N, C-alpha and C. Protein backbone atom coordinates (compact mmCIF):
# COMPACT_ATOMS: atom_id res chain seq x y z
N UNK A 1 -21.29 1.54 -13.34
CA UNK A 1 -21.34 2.41 -14.51
C UNK A 1 -20.10 3.30 -14.55
N UNK A 2 -19.63 3.74 -13.38
CA UNK A 2 -18.45 4.60 -13.33
C UNK A 2 -17.24 3.88 -13.92
N UNK A 3 -17.10 2.58 -13.62
CA UNK A 3 -15.99 1.81 -14.17
C UNK A 3 -16.04 1.78 -15.70
N UNK A 4 -17.24 1.65 -16.26
CA UNK A 4 -17.39 1.64 -17.72
C UNK A 4 -16.97 2.99 -18.31
N UNK A 5 -17.38 4.07 -17.68
CA UNK A 5 -16.98 5.39 -18.16
C UNK A 5 -15.47 5.57 -18.07
N UNK A 6 -14.88 5.07 -16.99
CA UNK A 6 -13.43 5.18 -16.84
C UNK A 6 -12.73 4.37 -17.93
N UNK A 7 -13.23 3.18 -18.22
CA UNK A 7 -12.64 2.34 -19.28
C UNK A 7 -12.72 3.01 -20.64
N UNK A 8 -13.78 3.80 -20.83
CA UNK A 8 -13.95 4.52 -22.09
C UNK A 8 -13.26 5.87 -22.08
N UNK A 9 -12.50 6.12 -21.02
CA UNK A 9 -11.73 7.35 -20.85
C UNK A 9 -12.62 8.59 -20.73
N UNK A 10 -13.85 8.38 -20.30
CA UNK A 10 -14.76 9.49 -19.99
C UNK A 10 -14.58 9.79 -18.50
N UNK A 11 -13.43 10.41 -18.18
CA UNK A 11 -13.02 10.57 -16.80
C UNK A 11 -13.93 11.50 -16.00
N UNK A 12 -14.42 12.54 -16.61
CA UNK A 12 -15.29 13.47 -15.88
C UNK A 12 -16.57 12.79 -15.44
N UNK A 13 -17.18 12.02 -16.32
CA UNK A 13 -18.41 11.30 -15.97
C UNK A 13 -18.12 10.24 -14.91
N UNK A 14 -17.01 9.52 -15.07
CA UNK A 14 -16.63 8.50 -14.09
C UNK A 14 -16.43 9.13 -12.72
N UNK A 15 -15.72 10.26 -12.69
CA UNK A 15 -15.46 10.94 -11.42
C UNK A 15 -16.77 11.36 -10.75
N UNK A 16 -17.67 11.92 -11.53
CA UNK A 16 -18.95 12.34 -10.99
C UNK A 16 -19.72 11.16 -10.39
N UNK A 17 -19.71 10.03 -11.10
CA UNK A 17 -20.44 8.85 -10.63
C UNK A 17 -19.78 8.24 -9.38
N UNK A 18 -18.45 8.17 -9.36
CA UNK A 18 -17.77 7.67 -8.16
C UNK A 18 -18.08 8.55 -6.96
N UNK A 19 -18.03 9.85 -7.15
CA UNK A 19 -18.29 10.77 -6.04
C UNK A 19 -19.74 10.64 -5.56
N UNK A 20 -20.64 10.47 -6.48
CA UNK A 20 -22.05 10.29 -6.10
C UNK A 20 -22.21 8.99 -5.31
N UNK A 21 -21.60 7.93 -5.81
CA UNK A 21 -21.67 6.64 -5.10
C UNK A 21 -21.07 6.76 -3.71
N UNK A 22 -19.97 7.48 -3.61
CA UNK A 22 -19.31 7.66 -2.32
C UNK A 22 -20.22 8.39 -1.33
N UNK A 23 -20.87 9.44 -1.78
CA UNK A 23 -21.78 10.18 -0.90
C UNK A 23 -22.92 9.29 -0.40
N UNK A 24 -23.48 8.49 -1.30
CA UNK A 24 -24.58 7.60 -0.94
C UNK A 24 -24.09 6.54 0.05
N UNK A 25 -22.93 5.95 -0.22
CA UNK A 25 -22.40 4.91 0.66
C UNK A 25 -22.08 5.47 2.05
N UNK A 26 -21.47 6.65 2.09
CA UNK A 26 -21.14 7.25 3.39
C UNK A 26 -22.40 7.54 4.19
N UNK A 27 -23.43 7.99 3.50
CA UNK A 27 -24.69 8.28 4.19
C UNK A 27 -25.35 6.98 4.69
N UNK A 28 -25.30 5.94 3.86
CA UNK A 28 -25.97 4.69 4.19
C UNK A 28 -25.16 3.84 5.18
N UNK A 29 -23.86 3.68 4.92
CA UNK A 29 -23.02 2.79 5.71
C UNK A 29 -22.21 3.48 6.81
N UNK A 30 -21.97 4.76 6.63
CA UNK A 30 -21.04 5.47 7.50
C UNK A 30 -19.70 5.63 6.79
N UNK A 31 -18.84 6.45 7.36
CA UNK A 31 -17.58 6.82 6.70
C UNK A 31 -16.53 5.71 6.67
N UNK A 32 -16.68 4.70 7.50
CA UNK A 32 -15.61 3.71 7.66
C UNK A 32 -16.03 2.30 7.27
N UNK A 33 -16.84 2.17 6.26
CA UNK A 33 -17.32 0.88 5.80
C UNK A 33 -16.45 0.41 4.63
N UNK A 34 -16.31 -0.91 4.48
CA UNK A 34 -15.48 -1.44 3.40
C UNK A 34 -16.01 -1.09 2.01
N UNK A 35 -17.31 -0.89 1.86
CA UNK A 35 -17.86 -0.45 0.57
C UNK A 35 -17.36 0.96 0.25
N UNK A 36 -17.27 1.78 1.26
CA UNK A 36 -16.72 3.12 1.09
C UNK A 36 -15.26 3.01 0.65
N UNK A 37 -14.52 2.11 1.27
CA UNK A 37 -13.10 1.92 0.91
C UNK A 37 -12.96 1.48 -0.54
N UNK A 38 -13.85 0.60 -1.00
CA UNK A 38 -13.78 0.14 -2.39
C UNK A 38 -13.99 1.29 -3.36
N UNK A 39 -14.94 2.15 -3.06
CA UNK A 39 -15.18 3.30 -3.93
C UNK A 39 -14.04 4.30 -3.85
N UNK A 40 -13.49 4.48 -2.66
CA UNK A 40 -12.31 5.35 -2.52
C UNK A 40 -11.17 4.83 -3.38
N UNK A 41 -10.96 3.52 -3.40
CA UNK A 41 -9.92 2.93 -4.25
C UNK A 41 -10.18 3.20 -5.72
N UNK A 42 -11.41 3.02 -6.14
CA UNK A 42 -11.75 3.28 -7.54
C UNK A 42 -11.49 4.73 -7.91
N UNK A 43 -11.92 5.63 -7.05
CA UNK A 43 -11.72 7.05 -7.30
C UNK A 43 -10.23 7.40 -7.27
N UNK A 44 -9.49 6.80 -6.36
CA UNK A 44 -8.04 7.03 -6.30
C UNK A 44 -7.37 6.57 -7.59
N UNK A 45 -7.77 5.42 -8.11
CA UNK A 45 -7.20 4.93 -9.37
C UNK A 45 -7.52 5.86 -10.53
N UNK A 46 -8.70 6.44 -10.50
CA UNK A 46 -9.06 7.42 -11.53
C UNK A 46 -8.14 8.63 -11.45
N UNK A 47 -7.96 9.16 -10.25
CA UNK A 47 -7.06 10.30 -10.08
C UNK A 47 -5.64 9.95 -10.48
N UNK A 48 -5.21 8.74 -10.15
CA UNK A 48 -3.88 8.29 -10.52
C UNK A 48 -3.71 8.29 -12.04
N UNK A 49 -4.72 7.78 -12.73
CA UNK A 49 -4.65 7.72 -14.20
C UNK A 49 -4.66 9.10 -14.83
N UNK A 50 -5.17 10.08 -14.12
CA UNK A 50 -5.21 11.46 -14.62
C UNK A 50 -4.00 12.28 -14.17
N UNK A 51 -3.12 11.67 -13.38
CA UNK A 51 -1.93 12.37 -12.94
C UNK A 51 -2.11 13.22 -11.70
N UNK A 52 -3.26 13.10 -11.02
CA UNK A 52 -3.49 13.83 -9.78
C UNK A 52 -3.05 12.92 -8.62
N UNK A 53 -1.74 12.83 -8.44
CA UNK A 53 -1.16 11.88 -7.50
C UNK A 53 -1.45 12.24 -6.05
N UNK A 54 -1.49 13.52 -5.74
CA UNK A 54 -1.78 13.92 -4.37
C UNK A 54 -3.17 13.46 -3.95
N UNK A 55 -4.15 13.68 -4.81
CA UNK A 55 -5.52 13.27 -4.49
C UNK A 55 -5.61 11.75 -4.44
N UNK A 56 -4.90 11.08 -5.33
CA UNK A 56 -4.89 9.62 -5.32
C UNK A 56 -4.35 9.10 -3.99
N UNK A 57 -3.29 9.74 -3.50
CA UNK A 57 -2.71 9.31 -2.22
C UNK A 57 -3.66 9.55 -1.06
N UNK A 58 -4.30 10.71 -1.03
CA UNK A 58 -5.24 11.02 0.05
C UNK A 58 -6.36 9.97 0.10
N UNK A 59 -6.93 9.66 -1.04
CA UNK A 59 -8.03 8.69 -1.08
C UNK A 59 -7.55 7.28 -0.75
N UNK A 60 -6.37 6.91 -1.27
CA UNK A 60 -5.82 5.58 -0.98
C UNK A 60 -5.49 5.43 0.50
N UNK A 61 -4.95 6.47 1.11
CA UNK A 61 -4.63 6.41 2.54
C UNK A 61 -5.90 6.24 3.37
N UNK A 62 -6.95 6.93 2.98
CA UNK A 62 -8.22 6.78 3.71
C UNK A 62 -8.77 5.36 3.53
N UNK A 63 -8.71 4.84 2.31
CA UNK A 63 -9.17 3.48 2.06
C UNK A 63 -8.33 2.48 2.85
N UNK A 64 -7.03 2.72 2.93
CA UNK A 64 -6.15 1.83 3.67
C UNK A 64 -6.52 1.79 5.16
N UNK A 65 -6.77 2.95 5.74
CA UNK A 65 -7.16 2.99 7.16
C UNK A 65 -8.44 2.19 7.40
N UNK A 66 -9.40 2.34 6.51
CA UNK A 66 -10.67 1.61 6.65
C UNK A 66 -10.44 0.11 6.55
N UNK A 67 -9.67 -0.30 5.55
CA UNK A 67 -9.43 -1.74 5.35
C UNK A 67 -8.63 -2.34 6.49
N UNK A 68 -7.62 -1.62 6.98
CA UNK A 68 -6.85 -2.14 8.11
C UNK A 68 -7.73 -2.30 9.33
N UNK A 69 -8.61 -1.35 9.55
CA UNK A 69 -9.51 -1.44 10.71
C UNK A 69 -10.47 -2.62 10.55
N UNK A 70 -10.98 -2.81 9.35
CA UNK A 70 -11.97 -3.86 9.12
C UNK A 70 -11.35 -5.25 9.00
N UNK A 71 -10.27 -5.36 8.22
CA UNK A 71 -9.68 -6.67 7.91
C UNK A 71 -8.47 -7.03 8.76
N UNK A 72 -7.81 -6.04 9.34
CA UNK A 72 -6.53 -6.24 9.99
C UNK A 72 -5.41 -5.83 9.04
N UNK A 73 -4.20 -5.79 9.56
CA UNK A 73 -3.07 -5.26 8.80
C UNK A 73 -2.54 -6.19 7.72
N UNK A 74 -2.89 -7.46 7.75
CA UNK A 74 -2.27 -8.44 6.85
C UNK A 74 -3.25 -9.15 5.93
N UNK A 75 -4.23 -8.45 5.46
CA UNK A 75 -5.24 -9.02 4.56
C UNK A 75 -4.92 -8.63 3.12
N UNK A 76 -5.31 -9.48 2.18
CA UNK A 76 -5.02 -9.18 0.77
C UNK A 76 -5.72 -7.91 0.28
N UNK A 77 -6.84 -7.57 0.88
CA UNK A 77 -7.50 -6.30 0.51
C UNK A 77 -6.62 -5.12 0.92
N UNK A 78 -5.95 -5.24 2.03
CA UNK A 78 -4.99 -4.22 2.47
C UNK A 78 -3.84 -4.15 1.46
N UNK A 79 -3.35 -5.31 1.02
CA UNK A 79 -2.24 -5.35 0.06
C UNK A 79 -2.61 -4.65 -1.24
N UNK A 80 -3.84 -4.83 -1.71
CA UNK A 80 -4.26 -4.18 -2.96
C UNK A 80 -4.20 -2.66 -2.82
N UNK A 81 -4.63 -2.14 -1.70
CA UNK A 81 -4.60 -0.71 -1.48
C UNK A 81 -3.16 -0.22 -1.29
N UNK A 82 -2.33 -1.02 -0.65
CA UNK A 82 -0.91 -0.68 -0.53
C UNK A 82 -0.26 -0.54 -1.91
N UNK A 83 -0.63 -1.43 -2.83
CA UNK A 83 -0.11 -1.33 -4.19
C UNK A 83 -0.54 -0.03 -4.86
N UNK A 84 -1.80 0.34 -4.70
CA UNK A 84 -2.28 1.59 -5.29
C UNK A 84 -1.54 2.79 -4.72
N UNK A 85 -1.36 2.78 -3.42
CA UNK A 85 -0.66 3.87 -2.76
C UNK A 85 0.81 3.92 -3.21
N UNK A 86 1.42 2.76 -3.35
CA UNK A 86 2.81 2.69 -3.83
C UNK A 86 2.91 3.27 -5.25
N UNK A 87 1.94 2.97 -6.09
CA UNK A 87 1.95 3.51 -7.46
C UNK A 87 1.88 5.02 -7.46
N UNK A 88 1.09 5.59 -6.58
CA UNK A 88 1.00 7.05 -6.50
C UNK A 88 2.33 7.66 -6.05
N UNK A 89 2.95 7.04 -5.05
CA UNK A 89 4.25 7.53 -4.58
C UNK A 89 5.31 7.40 -5.68
N UNK A 90 5.29 6.28 -6.37
CA UNK A 90 6.26 6.06 -7.44
C UNK A 90 6.07 7.09 -8.56
N UNK A 91 4.84 7.38 -8.88
CA UNK A 91 4.55 8.35 -9.94
C UNK A 91 5.05 9.74 -9.59
N UNK A 92 5.16 10.04 -8.30
CA UNK A 92 5.67 11.33 -7.86
C UNK A 92 7.18 11.31 -7.62
N UNK A 93 7.80 10.16 -7.89
CA UNK A 93 9.23 10.06 -7.71
C UNK A 93 9.66 9.73 -6.29
N UNK A 94 8.71 9.40 -5.43
CA UNK A 94 9.03 9.02 -4.04
C UNK A 94 9.26 7.51 -4.01
N UNK A 95 10.40 7.10 -4.56
CA UNK A 95 10.68 5.67 -4.74
C UNK A 95 10.90 4.93 -3.43
N UNK A 96 11.45 5.61 -2.45
CA UNK A 96 11.68 4.96 -1.16
C UNK A 96 10.36 4.55 -0.51
N UNK A 97 9.40 5.46 -0.49
CA UNK A 97 8.10 5.14 0.12
C UNK A 97 7.35 4.11 -0.73
N UNK A 98 7.46 4.22 -2.04
CA UNK A 98 6.83 3.23 -2.92
C UNK A 98 7.39 1.83 -2.64
N UNK A 99 8.70 1.75 -2.42
CA UNK A 99 9.34 0.47 -2.12
C UNK A 99 8.84 -0.10 -0.79
N UNK A 100 8.77 0.75 0.23
CA UNK A 100 8.29 0.30 1.54
C UNK A 100 6.87 -0.27 1.43
N UNK A 101 6.01 0.46 0.74
CA UNK A 101 4.61 0.03 0.60
C UNK A 101 4.51 -1.25 -0.22
N UNK A 102 5.27 -1.34 -1.31
CA UNK A 102 5.24 -2.53 -2.16
C UNK A 102 5.80 -3.75 -1.43
N UNK A 103 6.84 -3.55 -0.63
CA UNK A 103 7.38 -4.67 0.13
C UNK A 103 6.39 -5.18 1.16
N UNK A 104 5.66 -4.27 1.77
CA UNK A 104 4.63 -4.70 2.73
C UNK A 104 3.53 -5.48 2.01
N UNK A 105 3.11 -4.98 0.85
CA UNK A 105 2.10 -5.69 0.05
C UNK A 105 2.61 -7.07 -0.35
N UNK A 106 3.87 -7.15 -0.73
CA UNK A 106 4.46 -8.42 -1.14
C UNK A 106 4.43 -9.44 0.01
N UNK A 107 4.81 -9.01 1.20
CA UNK A 107 4.79 -9.93 2.36
C UNK A 107 3.38 -10.47 2.60
N UNK A 108 2.40 -9.60 2.51
CA UNK A 108 1.01 -10.02 2.72
C UNK A 108 0.60 -11.03 1.66
N UNK A 109 0.90 -10.72 0.41
CA UNK A 109 0.49 -11.61 -0.69
C UNK A 109 1.22 -12.96 -0.64
N UNK A 110 2.51 -12.93 -0.32
CA UNK A 110 3.24 -14.20 -0.21
C UNK A 110 2.66 -15.07 0.89
N UNK A 111 2.31 -14.46 2.00
CA UNK A 111 1.73 -15.20 3.12
C UNK A 111 0.38 -15.79 2.73
N UNK A 112 -0.40 -15.01 2.02
CA UNK A 112 -1.75 -15.44 1.66
C UNK A 112 -1.77 -16.41 0.49
N UNK A 113 -1.02 -16.10 -0.57
CA UNK A 113 -1.08 -16.88 -1.81
C UNK A 113 0.03 -17.90 -1.97
N UNK A 114 1.15 -17.72 -1.28
CA UNK A 114 2.34 -18.52 -1.55
C UNK A 114 3.26 -17.75 -2.49
N UNK A 115 4.45 -18.30 -2.69
CA UNK A 115 5.49 -17.59 -3.42
C UNK A 115 5.29 -17.54 -4.94
N UNK A 116 4.49 -18.43 -5.51
CA UNK A 116 4.43 -18.56 -6.96
C UNK A 116 3.07 -18.20 -7.55
N UNK A 117 2.41 -17.26 -6.95
CA UNK A 117 1.08 -16.84 -7.42
C UNK A 117 1.20 -15.60 -8.30
N UNK A 118 0.28 -15.45 -9.22
CA UNK A 118 0.29 -14.32 -10.14
C UNK A 118 0.19 -12.98 -9.40
N UNK A 119 -0.52 -12.94 -8.29
CA UNK A 119 -0.61 -11.70 -7.50
C UNK A 119 0.74 -11.33 -6.89
N UNK A 120 1.50 -12.33 -6.52
CA UNK A 120 2.86 -12.08 -6.01
C UNK A 120 3.72 -11.55 -7.15
N UNK A 121 3.58 -12.13 -8.33
CA UNK A 121 4.34 -11.68 -9.50
C UNK A 121 4.04 -10.22 -9.83
N UNK A 122 2.78 -9.84 -9.73
CA UNK A 122 2.41 -8.45 -10.03
C UNK A 122 3.10 -7.48 -9.07
N UNK A 123 3.17 -7.83 -7.82
CA UNK A 123 3.83 -6.97 -6.84
C UNK A 123 5.34 -6.98 -7.05
N UNK A 124 5.90 -8.11 -7.44
CA UNK A 124 7.33 -8.16 -7.77
C UNK A 124 7.63 -7.24 -8.95
N UNK A 125 6.73 -7.19 -9.92
CA UNK A 125 6.89 -6.28 -11.06
C UNK A 125 6.88 -4.83 -10.58
N UNK A 126 5.99 -4.51 -9.66
CA UNK A 126 5.96 -3.15 -9.12
C UNK A 126 7.28 -2.80 -8.45
N UNK A 127 7.83 -3.73 -7.70
CA UNK A 127 9.11 -3.49 -7.02
C UNK A 127 10.25 -3.34 -8.02
N UNK A 128 10.19 -4.06 -9.12
CA UNK A 128 11.25 -3.99 -10.12
C UNK A 128 11.24 -2.66 -10.87
N UNK A 129 10.08 -2.04 -10.95
CA UNK A 129 9.99 -0.75 -11.65
C UNK A 129 10.64 0.30 -10.79
């Protein structure tokens, strides 16, 4: 439901629902579960779309730590979070860090998908920006 509210640009309602989901997931699964990471990513993207880049980075970094612990450093789920984190850095003008994160995501995606996949193209677009 939070995703629907976010799509309709009802950001306050979406934020409230994401935070509620996060509290429930943390209570049920614990703080370091991949479901928690997924909700952290969603909430980070919401903050990113609202221009709250610092909060987006904090949440993305936490999601990244969870995913790296669960999946390992070279999983496509890790790459997706690296892209989100890179976008937050880029939005703040930290182009060097955005480049480092995007290049890491690109290496993961190329290894997983091959050189000519649409996911690789999306990350190449991020690097070109």
